[in-house]
Structures are given as structure tokens and as C-alpha cells.
C-alpha atoms as a PDB file:
ATOM      1  CA  MET A   1       0.000   0.000   0.000  1.00  0.00           C
ATOM      2  CA  ASN A   2       1.260   3.446  -0.877  1.00  0.00           C
ATOM      3  CA  GLU A   3       2.331   5.621   2.090  1.00  0.00           C
ATOM      4  CA  ALA A   4      -0.211   8.250   0.997  1.00  0.00           C
ATOM      5  CA  GLU A   5      -3.124   5.795   1.212  1.00  0.00           C
ATOM      6  CA  THR A   6      -3.258   5.199   4.985  1.00  0.00           C
ATOM      7  CA  PRO A   7      -6.288   3.133   6.094  1.00  0.00           C
ATOM      8  CA  LEU A   8      -8.788   4.544   8.581  1.00  0.00           C
ATOM      9  CA  THR A   9      -8.126   3.854  12.245  1.00  0.00           C
ATOM     10  CA  PRO A  10     -10.811   2.134  14.373  1.00  0.00           C
ATOM     11  CA  ASN A  11     -11.590   5.495  16.031  1.00  0.00           C
ATOM     12  CA  GLU A  12     -12.042   7.172  12.634  1.00  0.00           C
ATOM     13  CA  LYS A  13     -14.293   4.353  11.461  1.00  0.00           C
ATOM     14  CA  HIS A  14     -16.406   4.656  14.642  1.00  0.00           C
ATOM     15  CA  TRP A  15     -16.690   8.439  14.200  1.00  0.00           C
ATOM     16  CA  LEU A  16     -17.848   8.061  10.591  1.00  0.00           C
ATOM     17  CA  TRP A  17     -20.375   5.387  11.589  1.00  0.00           C
ATOM     18  CA  ASN A  18     -21.684   7.646  14.360  1.00  0.00           C
ATOM     19  CA  ILE A  19     -22.164  10.563  11.947  1.00  0.00           C
ATOM     20  CA  TRP A  20     -23.756   8.385   9.267  1.00  0.00           C
ATOM     21  CA  HIS A  21     -26.348   7.037  11.721  1.00  0.00           C
ATOM     22  CA  SER A  22     -27.038  10.343  13.495  1.00  0.00           C
ATOM     23  CA  GLN A  23     -30.514  11.916  13.863  1.00  0.00           C
ATOM     24  CA  ARG A  24     -31.356  15.583  14.337  1.00  0.00           C
ATOM     25  CA  LEU A  25     -33.571  16.346  17.379  1.00  0.00           C
ATOM     26  CA  GLU A  26     -35.576  19.428  18.377  1.00  0.00           C
ATOM     27  CA  SER A  27     -33.381  22.548  18.608  1.00  0.00           C
ATOM     28  CA  GLU A  28     -32.814  24.532  21.819  1.00  0.00           C
ATOM     29  CA  LEU A  29     -32.201  28.222  22.524  1.00  0.00           C
ATOM     30  CA  GLY A  30     -29.169  29.348  24.493  1.00  0.00           C
ATOM     31  CA  ILE A  31     -26.116  31.599  24.724  1.00  0.00           C
ATOM     32  CA  CYS A  32     -23.162  31.129  22.399  1.00  0.00           C
ATOM     33  CA  PRO A  33     -20.190  30.128  24.591  1.00  0.00           C
ATOM     34  CA  SER A  34     -17.753  31.745  22.150  1.00  0.00           C
ATOM     35  CA  CYS A  35     -19.187  35.241  21.648  1.00  0.00           C
ATOM     36  CA  SER A  36     -21.965  35.296  24.355  1.00  0.00           C
ATOM     37  CA  SER A  37     -24.718  36.076  21.839  1.00  0.00           C
ATOM     38  CA  ALA A  38     -28.158  35.254  23.322  1.00  0.00           C
ATOM     39  CA  ASN A  39     -31.179  33.407  21.897  1.00  0.00           C
ATOM     40  CA  ILE A  40     -29.047  31.244  19.638  1.00  0.00           C
ATOM     41  CA  GLU A  41     -30.733  28.187  18.189  1.00  0.00           C
ATOM     42  CA  PHE A  42     -28.586  25.188  19.142  1.00  0.00           C
ATOM     43  CA  GLN A  43     -28.636  22.106  16.967  1.00  0.00           C
ATOM     44  CA  VAL A  44     -29.127  18.888  18.910  1.00  0.00           C
ATOM     45  CA  TRP A  45     -28.225  15.508  17.428  1.00  0.00           C
ATOM     46  CA  ARG A  46     -28.468  11.909  18.606  1.00  0.00           C
ATOM     47  CA  LEU A  47     -25.432  10.069  17.230  1.00  0.00           C
ATOM     48  CA  GLY A  48     -25.489   6.485  16.074  1.00  0.00           C
ATOM     49  CA  ASP A  49     -24.358   5.165  19.462  1.00  0.00           C
ATOM     50  CA  GLY A  50     -27.124   7.105  21.271  1.00  0.00           C
ATOM     51  CA  THR A  51     -24.895   9.961  22.443  1.00  0.00           C
ATOM     52  CA  ILE A  52     -26.592  13.397  22.495  1.00  0.00           C
ATOM     53  CA  ARG A  53     -24.456  16.185  21.056  1.00  0.00           C
ATOM     54  CA  LYS A  54     -25.345  19.884  21.192  1.00  0.00           C
ATOM     55  CA  TYR A  55     -23.668  22.284  18.784  1.00  0.00           C
ATOM     56  CA  GLN A  56     -23.698  25.318  21.087  1.00  0.00           C
ATOM     57  CA  ASN A  57     -22.347  28.115  18.920  1.00  0.00           C
ATOM     58  CA  CYS A  58     -23.878  30.865  16.835  1.00  0.00           C
ATOM     59  CA  PRO A  59     -23.621  30.502  13.029  1.00  0.00           C
ATOM     60  CA  ASP A  60     -20.700  32.938  12.791  1.00  0.00           C
ATOM     61  CA  CYS A  61     -18.707  31.162  15.487  1.00  0.00           C
ATOM     62  CA  ARG A  62     -19.541  27.771  14.001  1.00  0.00           C
ATOM     63  CA  ALA A  63     -18.190  29.013  10.678  1.00  0.00           C
ATOM     64  CA  LEU A  64     -14.979  30.197  12.370  1.00  0.00           C
ATOM     65  CA  ILE A  65     -14.589  26.909  14.234  1.00  0.00           C
ATOM     66  CA  GLU A  66     -15.191  24.922  11.052  1.00  0.00           C
ATOM     67  CA  ALA A  67     -12.701  27.076   9.146  1.00  0.00           C
ATOM     68  CA  ALA A  68     -10.095  26.507  11.851  1.00  0.00           C
ATOM     69  CA  ARG A  69     -10.771  22.773  11.776  1.00  0.00           C
ATOM     70  CA  ARG A  70     -10.383  22.650   7.988  1.00  0.00           C
ATOM     71  CA  SER A  71      -7.182  24.669   8.226  1.00  0.00           C
ATOM     72  CA  GLU A  72      -5.743  22.249  10.788  1.00  0.00           C
ATOM     73  CA  GLU A  73      -6.710  19.271   8.642  1.00  0.00           C
ATOM     74  CA  GLU A  74      -5.160  20.841   5.546  1.00  0.00           C
ATOM     75  CA  THR A  75      -1.968  21.628   7.445  1.00  0.00           C
ATOM     76  CA  ALA A  76      -1.791  18.030   8.665  1.00  0.00           C
ATOM     77  CA  ARG A  77      -2.457  16.772   5.134  1.00  0.00           C
ATOM     78  CA  LEU A  78       0.289  18.937   3.646  1.00  0.00           C
ATOM     79  CA  VAL A  79       2.742  17.730   6.288  1.00  0.00           C
ATOM     80  CA  LYS A  80       1.870  14.138   5.418  1.00  0.00           C
ATOM     81  CA  VAL A  81       2.244  14.840   1.677  1.00  0.00           C
ATOM     82  CA  SER A  82       5.624  16.467   2.335  1.00  0.00           C
ATOM     83  CA  HIS A  83       6.798  13.427   4.296  1.00  0.00           C
ATOM     84  CA  VAL A  84       5.696  11.037   1.546  1.00  0.00           C
ATOM     85  CA  ARG A  85       7.355  13.187  -1.127  1.00  0.00           C
ATOM     86  CA  ARG A  86      10.582  13.266   0.840  1.00  0.00           C
ATOM     87  CA  TYR A  87      10.544   9.513   1.405  1.00  0.00           C
ATOM     88  CA  MET A  88       9.868   8.740  -2.270  1.00  0.00           C
ATOM     89  CA  ARG A  89      12.490  11.252  -3.407  1.00  0.00           C
ATOM     90  CA  GLU A  90      15.183   9.920  -1.069  1.00  0.00           C
ATOM     91  CA  THR A  91      14.555   6.262  -1.886  1.00  0.00           C
ATOM     92  CA  CYS A  92      14.050   6.417  -5.670  1.00  0.00           C
ATOM     93  CA  GLY A  93      17.776   6.372  -6.448  1.00  0.00           C
ATOM     94  CA  ILE A  94      18.537   9.965  -7.476  1.00  0.00           C
ATOM     95  CA  PRO A  95      22.305  10.404  -6.892  1.00  0.00           C
ATOM     96  CA  PRO A  96      23.107  12.527  -3.808  1.00  0.00           C
ATOM     97  CA  LYS A  97      24.795  15.142  -6.015  1.00  0.00           C
ATOM     98  CA  PHE A  98      21.494  15.779  -7.782  1.00  0.00           C
ATOM     99  CA  MET A  99      19.177  15.718  -4.761  1.00  0.00           C
ATOM    100  CA  VAL A 100      19.410  19.536  -4.668  1.00  0.00           C
ATOM    101  CA  GLU A 101      19.596  20.066  -8.426  1.00  0.00           C
ATOM    102  CA  ASP A 102      16.433  20.801 -10.383  1.00  0.00           C
ATOM    103  CA  PHE A 103      15.339  22.869 -13.366  1.00  0.00           C
ATOM    104  CA  SER A 104      15.945  26.102 -11.471  1.00  0.00           C
ATOM    105  CA  THR A 105      19.636  25.264 -11.020  1.00  0.00           C
ATOM    106  CA  PHE A 106      20.247  24.158 -14.607  1.00  0.00           C
ATOM    107  CA  LYS A 107      22.657  26.513 -16.331  1.00  0.00           C
ATOM    108  CA  ALA A 108      20.725  28.925 -18.547  1.00  0.00           C
ATOM    109  CA  GLY A 109      21.931  29.496 -22.087  1.00  0.00           C
ATOM    110  CA  TRP A 110      23.680  26.109 -22.353  1.00  0.00           C
ATOM    111  CA  GLN A 111      21.011  23.590 -23.364  1.00  0.00           C
ATOM    112  CA  ASP A 112      17.900  25.760 -23.374  1.00  0.00           C
ATOM    113  CA  LYS A 113      15.944  23.644 -25.848  1.00  0.00           C
ATOM    114  CA  ALA A 114      16.661  20.448 -23.938  1.00  0.00           C
ATOM    115  CA  LEU A 115      15.676  22.242 -20.731  1.00  0.00           C
ATOM    116  CA  GLU A 116      12.383  23.353 -22.282  1.00  0.00           C
ATOM    117  CA  VAL A 117      11.520  19.862 -23.530  1.00  0.00           C
ATOM    118  CA  CYS A 118      12.346  18.209 -20.195  1.00  0.00           C
ATOM    119  CA  GLN A 119      10.297  20.787 -18.272  1.00  0.00           C
ATOM    120  CA  SER A 120       7.298  20.147 -20.512  1.00  0.00           C
ATOM    121  CA  TYR A 121       7.801  16.404 -20.148  1.00  0.00           C
ATOM    122  CA  ALA A 122       7.733  16.656 -16.347  1.00  0.00           C
ATOM    123  CA  ASP A 123       4.844  19.143 -16.288  1.00  0.00           C
ATOM    124  CA  ASP A 124       2.679  16.904 -18.488  1.00  0.00           C
ATOM    125  CA  PHE A 125       3.542  13.647 -16.731  1.00  0.00           C
ATOM    126  CA  PRO A 126       0.251  12.016 -15.655  1.00  0.00           C
ATOM    127  CA  LEU A 127      -0.424  11.872 -11.910  1.00  0.00           C
ATOM    128  CA  GLY A 128      -2.911   9.776  -9.976  1.00  0.00           C
ATOM    129  CA  ASN A 129      -2.927   6.760 -12.283  1.00  0.00           C
ATOM    130  CA  ALA A 130      -0.278   4.648 -13.978  1.00  0.00           C
ATOM    131  CA  PRO A 131       1.051   6.789 -16.854  1.00  0.00           C
ATOM    132  CA  ARG A 132       0.272   4.164 -19.478  1.00  0.00           C
ATOM    133  CA  GLY A 133       0.974   5.382 -22.982  1.00  0.00           C
ATOM    134  CA  TYR A 134       3.007   8.406 -21.886  1.00  0.00           C
ATOM    135  CA  PRO A 135       6.061   8.679 -24.185  1.00  0.00           C
ATOM    136  CA  SER A 136       9.604   7.906 -23.179  1.00  0.00           C
ATOM    137  CA  LEU A 137      12.523  10.314 -23.463  1.00  0.00           C
ATOM    138  CA  TYR A 138      16.035   9.735 -24.822  1.00  0.00           C
ATOM    139  CA  LEU A 139      18.800  12.260 -24.000  1.00  0.00           C
ATOM    140  CA  TRP A 140      22.141  11.713 -25.697  1.00  0.00           C
ATOM    141  CA  SER A 141      25.494  13.191 -26.594  1.00  0.00           C
ATOM    142  CA  THR A 142      28.642  11.861 -28.228  1.00  0.00           C
ATOM    143  CA  GLU A 143      31.105  14.750 -28.180  1.00  0.00           C
ATOM    144  CA  SER A 144      30.299  16.393 -24.844  1.00  0.00           C
ATOM    145  CA  TRP A 145      30.572  14.936 -21.355  1.00  0.00           C
ATOM    146  CA  GLY A 146      28.963  16.587 -18.376  1.00  0.00           C
ATOM    147  CA  CYS A 147      26.514  18.504 -20.534  1.00  0.00           C
ATOM    148  CA  GLY A 148      23.619  18.071 -18.118  1.00  0.00           C
ATOM    149  CA  LYS A 149      21.818  14.865 -19.099  1.00  0.00           C
ATOM    150  CA  THR A 150      21.769  13.437 -15.577  1.00  0.00           C
ATOM    151  CA  HIS A 151      20.888  16.855 -14.149  1.00  0.00           C
ATOM    152  CA  LEU A 152      17.844  17.115 -16.432  1.00  0.00           C
ATOM    153  CA  ALA A 153      16.804  13.519 -15.735  1.00  0.00           C
ATOM    154  CA  ALA A 154      16.923  14.177 -11.983  1.00  0.00           C
ATOM    155  CA  ALA A 155      15.074  17.477 -12.458  1.00  0.00           C
ATOM    156  CA  ILE A 156      12.245  15.609 -14.194  1.00  0.00           C
ATOM    157  CA  CYS A 157      11.914  13.370 -11.136  1.00  0.00           C
ATOM    158  CA  HIS A 158      11.925  16.340  -8.753  1.00  0.00           C
ATOM    159  CA  ARG A 159       9.259  18.162 -10.765  1.00  0.00           C
ATOM    160  CA  VAL A 160       6.987  15.088 -10.876  1.00  0.00           C
ATOM    161  CA  PHE A 161       7.296  14.647  -7.102  1.00  0.00           C
ATOM    162  CA  ASP A 162       6.704  18.367  -6.499  1.00  0.00           C
ATOM    163  CA  ARG A 163       3.543  18.317  -8.631  1.00  0.00           C
ATOM    164  CA  TRP A 164       2.002  15.526  -6.558  1.00  0.00           C
ATOM    165  CA  THR A 165      -0.500  17.019  -4.089  1.00  0.00           C
ATOM    166  CA  GLY A 166      -1.620  13.891  -2.263  1.00  0.00           C
ATOM    167  CA  LYS A 167      -4.392  12.749  -4.580  1.00  0.00           C
ATOM    168  CA  LYS A 168      -4.213   8.975  -4.979  1.00  0.00           C
ATOM    169  CA  GLY A 169      -0.744   7.451  -4.774  1.00  0.00           C
ATOM    170  CA  CYS A 170       2.542   9.264  -5.132  1.00  0.00           C
ATOM    171  CA  PRO A 171       4.242   8.319  -8.415  1.00  0.00           C
ATOM    172  CA  ARG A 172       6.868   5.623  -7.938  1.00  0.00           C
ATOM    173  CA  ILE A 173      10.083   6.498  -9.737  1.00  0.00           C
ATOM    174  CA  VAL A 174      13.228   4.410 -10.063  1.00  0.00           C
ATOM    175  CA  PHE A 175      16.427   6.269 -10.963  1.00  0.00           C
ATOM    176  CA  LEU A 176      19.247   3.898 -11.813  1.00  0.00           C
ATOM    177  CA  SER A 177      22.435   4.031 -13.877  1.00  0.00           C
ATOM    178  CA  GLU A 178      23.229   1.092 -16.128  1.00  0.00           C
ATOM    179  CA  PRO A 179      26.546   0.412 -14.325  1.00  0.00           C
ATOM    180  CA  GLU A 180      24.736   0.414 -10.972  1.00  0.00           C
ATOM    181  CA  LEU A 181      22.055  -1.919 -12.342  1.00  0.00           C
ATOM    182  CA  PHE A 182      24.587  -4.578 -13.276  1.00  0.00           C
ATOM    183  CA  ARG A 183      26.600  -4.125 -10.085  1.00  0.00           C
ATOM    184  CA  ARG A 184      23.439  -4.753  -8.054  1.00  0.00           C
ATOM    185  CA  ILE A 185      22.552  -7.817 -10.106  1.00  0.00           C
ATOM    186  CA  GLN A 186      26.071  -9.248  -9.911  1.00  0.00           C
ATOM    187  CA  ALA A 187      26.139  -8.688  -6.150  1.00  0.00           C
ATOM    188  CA  THR A 188      23.225 -11.125  -5.790  1.00  0.00           C
ATOM    189  CA  TYR A 189      25.389 -13.925  -7.213  1.00  0.00           C
ATOM    190  CA  SER A 190      27.753 -13.819  -4.243  1.00  0.00           C
ATOM    191  CA  PHE A 191      25.100 -13.974  -1.507  1.00  0.00           C
ATOM    192  CA  SER A 192      25.224 -16.896   0.878  1.00  0.00           C
ATOM    193  CA  ARG A 193      22.108 -19.047   1.255  1.00  0.00           C
ATOM    194  CA  GLU A 194      21.160 -17.158   4.401  1.00  0.00           C
ATOM    195  CA  GLU A 195      21.716 -13.769   2.746  1.00  0.00           C
ATOM    196  CA  SER A 196      19.675 -14.737  -0.315  1.00  0.00           C
ATOM    197  CA  ASN A 197      16.649 -15.253   1.937  1.00  0.00           C
ATOM    198  CA  VAL A 198      16.677 -11.685   3.239  1.00  0.00           C
ATOM    199  CA  ARG A 199      18.352  -9.616   0.508  1.00  0.00           C
ATOM    200  CA  GLU A 200      17.081  -8.602  -2.905  1.00  0.00           C
ATOM    201  CA  SER A 201      17.387 -11.130  -5.698  1.00  0.00           C
ATOM    202  CA  GLU A 202      17.913 -10.510  -9.389  1.00  0.00           C
ATOM    203  CA  ASP A 203      14.178 -11.039  -9.919  1.00  0.00           C
ATOM    204  CA  ASP A 204      13.401  -8.511  -7.166  1.00  0.00           C
ATOM    205  CA  ILE A 205      15.599  -5.912  -8.888  1.00  0.00           C
ATOM    206  CA  ILE A 206      13.999  -6.449 -12.289  1.00  0.00           C
ATOM    207  CA  LYS A 207      10.457  -6.424 -10.888  1.00  0.00           C
ATOM    208  CA  SER A 208      11.027  -3.145  -9.022  1.00  0.00           C
ATOM    209  CA  ILE A 209      12.341  -1.560 -12.215  1.00  0.00           C
ATOM    210  CA  VAL A 210       9.644  -2.930 -14.485  1.00  0.00           C
ATOM    211  CA  GLY A 211       6.730  -1.854 -12.272  1.00  0.00           C
ATOM    212  CA  ALA A 212       7.776   1.743 -11.560  1.00  0.00           C
ATOM    213  CA  ASP A 213       5.612   4.564 -12.925  1.00  0.00           C
ATOM    214  CA  LEU A 214       8.756   6.120 -14.378  1.00  0.00           C
ATOM    215  CA  LEU A 215      12.144   4.495 -14.903  1.00  0.00           C
ATOM    216  CA  VAL A 216      15.215   6.672 -15.408  1.00  0.00           C
ATOM    217  CA  LEU A 217      18.040   4.585 -16.863  1.00  0.00           C
ATOM    218  CA  ASP A 218      21.123   6.779 -16.757  1.00  0.00           C
ATOM    219  CA  ASP A 219      24.518   6.370 -18.481  1.00  0.00           C
ATOM    220  CA  VAL A 220      23.483   3.546 -20.789  1.00  0.00           C
ATOM    221  CA  GLY A 221      26.559   2.007 -22.386  1.00  0.00           C
ATOM    222  CA  LYS A 222      28.962   3.968 -20.189  1.00  0.00           C
ATOM    223  CA  GLU A 223      31.024   1.001 -18.979  1.00  0.00           C
ATOM    224  CA  PRO A 224      32.138  -1.715 -21.428  1.00  0.00           C
ATOM    225  CA  ARG A 225      31.271  -5.212 -20.239  1.00  0.00           C
ATOM    226  CA  LYS A 226      32.628  -8.566 -21.380  1.00  0.00           C
ATOM    227  CA  ASP A 227      29.356 -10.475 -21.309  1.00  0.00           C
ATOM    228  CA  MET A 228      27.280  -8.406 -23.735  1.00  0.00           C
ATOM    229  CA  GLN A 229      24.787 -11.237 -24.161  1.00  0.00           C
ATOM    230  CA  PHE A 230      23.891 -10.902 -20.485  1.00  0.00           C
ATOM    231  CA  VAL A 231      23.707  -7.101 -20.812  1.00  0.00           C
ATOM    232  CA  ARG A 232      21.434  -7.266 -23.831  1.00  0.00           C
ATOM    233  CA  ARG A 233      19.270  -9.996 -22.345  1.00  0.00           C
ATOM    234  CA  THR A 234      18.738  -7.990 -19.149  1.00  0.00           C
ATOM    235  CA  LEU A 235      18.051  -4.720 -20.927  1.00  0.00           C
ATOM    236  CA  PHE A 236      15.623  -6.456 -23.292  1.00  0.00           C
ATOM    237  CA  ALA A 237      13.721  -7.892 -20.320  1.00  0.00           C
ATOM    238  CA  ILE A 238      13.347  -4.387 -18.834  1.00  0.00           C
ATOM    239  CA  ILE A 239      12.542  -2.553 -22.063  1.00  0.00           C
ATOM    240  CA  ASN A 240      10.168  -5.232 -23.320  1.00  0.00           C
ATOM    241  CA  ALA A 241       8.254  -5.425 -20.033  1.00  0.00           C
ATOM    242  CA  ARG A 242       7.797  -1.657 -19.887  1.00  0.00           C
ATOM    243  CA  TYR A 243       6.941  -1.572 -23.604  1.00  0.00           C
ATOM    244  CA  ASN A 244       4.170  -4.139 -23.054  1.00  0.00           C
ATOM    245  CA  ALA A 245       2.934  -2.301 -19.957  1.00  0.00           C
ATOM    246  CA  LEU A 246       2.952   1.060 -21.820  1.00  0.00           C
ATOM    247  CA  LEU A 247       5.124   2.585 -19.076  1.00  0.00           C
ATOM    248  CA  PRO A 248       7.651   5.355 -19.875  1.00  0.00           C
ATOM    249  CA  MET A 249      11.406   5.530 -19.492  1.00  0.00           C
ATOM    250  CA  VAL A 250      13.941   8.358 -19.497  1.00  0.00           C
ATOM    251  CA  VAL A 251      17.192   7.090 -21.014  1.00  0.00           C
ATOM    252  CA  THR A 252      20.478   9.013 -21.035  1.00  0.00           C
ATOM    253  CA  ALA A 253      23.558   7.900 -22.952  1.00  0.00           C
ATOM    254  CA  ASN A 254      26.766   9.052 -24.548  1.00  0.00           C
ATOM    255  CA  LEU A 255      25.651   7.071 -27.581  1.00  0.00           C
ATOM    256  CA  ASP A 256      23.921   8.337 -30.694  1.00  0.00           C
ATOM    257  CA  PRO A 257      20.902   6.311 -31.884  1.00  0.00           C
ATOM    258  CA  GLY A 258      23.041   4.118 -34.160  1.00  0.00           C
ATOM    259  CA  ARG A 259      25.510   3.204 -31.405  1.00  0.00           C
ATOM    260  CA  LEU A 260      22.687   2.764 -28.894  1.00  0.00           C
ATOM    261  CA  LYS A 261      21.162   0.220 -31.278  1.00  0.00           C
ATOM    262  CA  GLU A 262      24.477  -1.654 -31.358  1.00  0.00           C
ATOM    263  CA  HIS A 263      24.656  -1.605 -27.559  1.00  0.00           C
ATOM    264  CA  LEU A 264      21.121  -2.914 -27.079  1.00  0.00           C
ATOM    265  CA  ASP A 265      20.976  -5.534 -29.828  1.00  0.00           C
ATOM    266  CA  GLU A 266      23.253  -8.081 -31.428  1.00  0.00           C
ATOM    267  CA  PRO A 267      23.177  -7.357 -35.169  1.00  0.00           C
ATOM    268  CA  PRO A 268      21.084  -7.970 -37.181  1.00  0.00           C
ATOM    269  CA  THR A 269      18.373  -8.007 -34.485  1.00  0.00           C
ATOM    270  CA  GLU A 270      16.881  -4.693 -33.314  1.00  0.00           C
ATOM    271  CA  ALA A 271      14.270  -5.881 -30.807  1.00  0.00           C
ATOM    272  CA  SER A 272      15.247  -3.696 -27.839  1.00  0.00           C
ATOM    273  CA  PHE A 273      16.088  -0.590 -29.826  1.00  0.00           C
ATOM    274  CA  ASN A 274      12.944  -0.731 -31.947  1.00  0.00           C
ATOM    275  CA  ARG A 275      10.773  -0.993 -28.851  1.00  0.00           C
ATOM    276  CA  LEU A 276      12.571   1.872 -27.117  1.00  0.00           C
ATOM    277  CA  TRP A 277      12.444   4.040 -30.233  1.00  0.00           C
ATOM    278  CA  GLU A 278       8.706   3.436 -30.543  1.00  0.00           C
ATOM    279  CA  MET A 279       8.275   4.315 -26.857  1.00  0.00           C
ATOM    280  CA  THR A 280       9.913   7.704 -27.527  1.00  0.00           C
ATOM    281  CA  ASP A 281       7.669   8.274 -30.562  1.00  0.00           C
ATOM    282  CA  GLY A 282      10.888   8.478 -32.585  1.00  0.00           C
ATOM    283  CA  ARG A 283      12.173  11.525 -30.726  1.00  0.00           C
ATOM    284  CA  SER A 284      15.549  12.151 -29.151  1.00  0.00           C
ATOM    285  CA  ILE A 285      17.296  15.129 -27.606  1.00  0.00           C
ATOM    286  CA  ARG A 286      20.883  15.673 -28.660  1.00  0.00           C
ATOM    287  CA  MET A 287      22.947  17.571 -26.096  1.00  0.00           C
ATOM    288  CA  ASP A 288      26.315  18.018 -27.817  1.00  0.00           C
ATOM    289  CA  GLY A 289      27.323  21.636 -27.357  1.00  0.00           C
ATOM    290  CA  ARG A 290      24.257  23.742 -28.001  1.00  0.00           C
ATOM    291  CA  SER A 291      22.613  21.556 -30.650  1.00  0.00           C
ATOM    292  CA  TYR A 292      19.267  19.890 -30.358  1.00  0.00           C
ATOM    293  CA  ARG A 293      17.580  17.303 -32.514  1.00  0.00           C
ATOM    294  CA  LYS A 294      13.980  16.119 -32.514  1.00  0.00           C
ATOM    295  CA  GLY A 295      12.285  13.702 -34.816  1.00  0.00           C
ATOM    296  CA  GLY A 296      13.443  11.897 -37.890  1.00  0.00           C
ATOM    297  CA  LYS A 297      14.693   8.404 -38.509  1.00  0.00           C
ATOM    298  CA  VAL A 298      17.955   6.924 -37.354  1.00  0.00           C
ATOM    299  CA  GLN A 299      20.418   6.979 -40.220  1.00  0.00           C
END
């Protein structure tokens, strides 16, 4: 169950049952205890458990009391939302360096078009339900390192979390670099029998990635690996599962579309790349220097 969807406590359930089964009785006249106004008609109710409750305030004071109650409830709700946001943000995998980096801290005048596209992507990201059918995003460069791809990917996550106001569940985001993904998977191979019973397995890792509302896969192809069959098999499992579930990904790489295709698939197959390319609607954002590319086929 999502942290934002806390079940009712027994006391809350009893209170709701009492209100639902209440009955209004004959009103009484009296003095408002808040402002001392006389000849105020008090509402008298018999609650579901037989308790008699008198609402002994004038209409103006009742309105003030109700407003104060709503304000307290809203404050408590916002505190709860803030706690859930913080928990989801701190556990989704955003690197510590980028926990304080968002769109507002992205260097202006460097990759303005990429910044604009990523802001729109985050602002339009569906909230409240699984974002099925929402397009994926592919940020890439080949000539420039440190041009802001990871910064923008993290900023998308921050904006999605910040937009969530507590309605339904908070979006679940997984932010993971490709090198980290394979380090986590390989670590499971060295667990003892006792450790394997309490620590995450390879299946656990894949399932958590596949089921997230948004997956950010950073630095794809960054580290060369000897067993490329294993790499491609794992990445196909992730991409294919999210493709079938219509769930989006944000992919960053220092690989152009042609080299990304080579990394994902053993020629002549193109299963992983074709699925990912379709998920992006054939769009990519090039972040070499100040250039930007959108649309068109891979040459």
C-alpha cells in the first residue's frame, strides 16, 4: 500500500459510523459560549451510538470553528504529503549530487531547448494513475561529457514529485544508472544461502524496475562489459516489459541512436532498440554543445 493511502483507524471508522447514523432532534435556545450572543438556536443531534451532542455556537462562530478545523486538517495533510514526497524522493535512487539540483539550477543558455523539452515532459507527466501510454525520453550526446543529461533527468523526477499534491498514490520512480544496475545484479550472485533469503534477488531488482511509474536509466553504455549477451538480455527484459505495460522511461547515454542500437541488440536483431524508439515516438534530444535534434529516422 502506498504511504499516501493510509487506512482509517478504528476510532475514525467509529466516528464516521456515528455521523452516518445520526438523527437531528428538536433545537434549543441558548447563549453562544464563544461570543456570548443570546437566543441562539442550538442544533441537537443523537449520534449512532445514542450519544446526544449539542452544537452550542452561533452561526458565525460555528463558521470560524469549522474554518479553523479545515485549516488544521489541511496543514496536517500537507505535512503528510511532504513526508511522503521526501521519502519517495530519497529512496528512488537519485544520486546525492542531484538531490538539490532541479530545473531552477540548470545553467541557462547552455542547453535551453533540452531544458524546455524536459520541463514540458515533467509538467505533463500524468499523476494519480499509472502513466500508461506516456512517451519515453532519450537524452544523448557523443562529443560532450557533463553537458547536463543526468541533471535534467533528476530534475524531471523532482518536478513530478513536487507536482504531486496527495491525490491517490505518489508516483513511484526508479532512478538507476546502467553500471549500478549490473553491479546490483552481480552482487546477488555472491550472496550466501542465508543472505539470499533476506536480501534482494535478481528477480526482485527487475520487478522493481519494471513496475515503476517512471524508470530513469542513466549512463546507458557507459562502462564496457565482457558479457554483452547478459547485458542485452537484461536490458531487453526491462525494455520489453515496460513496452508491453505502456510505461515510460527516461534514457540518457553518450551514444547516438546508431551506437545505442548496437549496444542494445546483437546485429542484425533490433528488438530492444525498436521498442525503445517506438516508446519515444521516434524523438531524441541531442545535447552536444548547443545543438538539439527532434524527430526523424535513425540513419
